[in-house]
Amino acid sequence: MTKTFRIAIVLLLFAAGMSAQSNDAAYIKTLTLRSTKIVKKLNISDTAVFNRVVNILVNEYASVGKIFDDNNAAMKAAKATAGNNKASLQALDKTIEGDTNTQLYNLYCAFTGALSGDLTPQQIEEVKNAMTYNVLKVTYGAYLAMIPTLKPNEKRQIYSWLVEAREHAIEAPSSGKKHAWFNKYKGRINNYLSKQGYNMQQERVAWAKRIKEAQAKK
């Protein structure tokens, strides 16, 4: 990816993220502090690269906010337009949801593409995990600890679904919405493990017992 192309992507993200909310100085300051905290952990020595990556994150957060602000406004307008016509409202909601998902997908592609111009794959992983509160690592570790007998293919499936949850969570507008994506996939994982023959309730009880015993030995 050329430098010119990287700059073009950053400008595209910036343009997409501009709204009444993202123009607010306090809002931008909050996003900048959040983004700077994440980027500092990457140990980037080049100041220009550091600042560019911070801006990419700020614009990503602002763009997600813009998309969901527009979504909420469109949903409100749809309700006013449809009135008591449920069929009409459902059709409008479906159209709005489809448009929102398309925007989020395009934003995700632009965001990850912009990061790849300045960061290594490992650094990009660190950014994604930081943006989603490291829920992937914590949850994956919890499954391994809860069920020590997991087979390699089961571990791969669990990790794959958690990665998928993380990628969706990156484009979620709030902490609650980000965690909701992981909870959705945890339900899928639990159903999968049950079908694999694991009694999830018994596994949780046994895990809690092991934790209690380990704490008692300290």
Foldseek 3Di string as FASTA:
>chain_A
DDPVVLVVLLVVLQVLLDDPQLVDPVNLVVLLVLLLVLLVVVPDPDPVLSVSSSSLSSSLLSNLVSLVVVLVVQLVVLCVVCPPPPVSSVVSNVVSVVVSVVSLVVSLVSSVVSCVVRDDPVSVVSSLCSLLVVPLVVVLVVVCLLCVPDDPVLSVVLSVLSVVLSSVLSSDNDNVRSVVSVVVSVVVSVVVVVVVPDDSVVSVVVSVVVVVVVVVVD
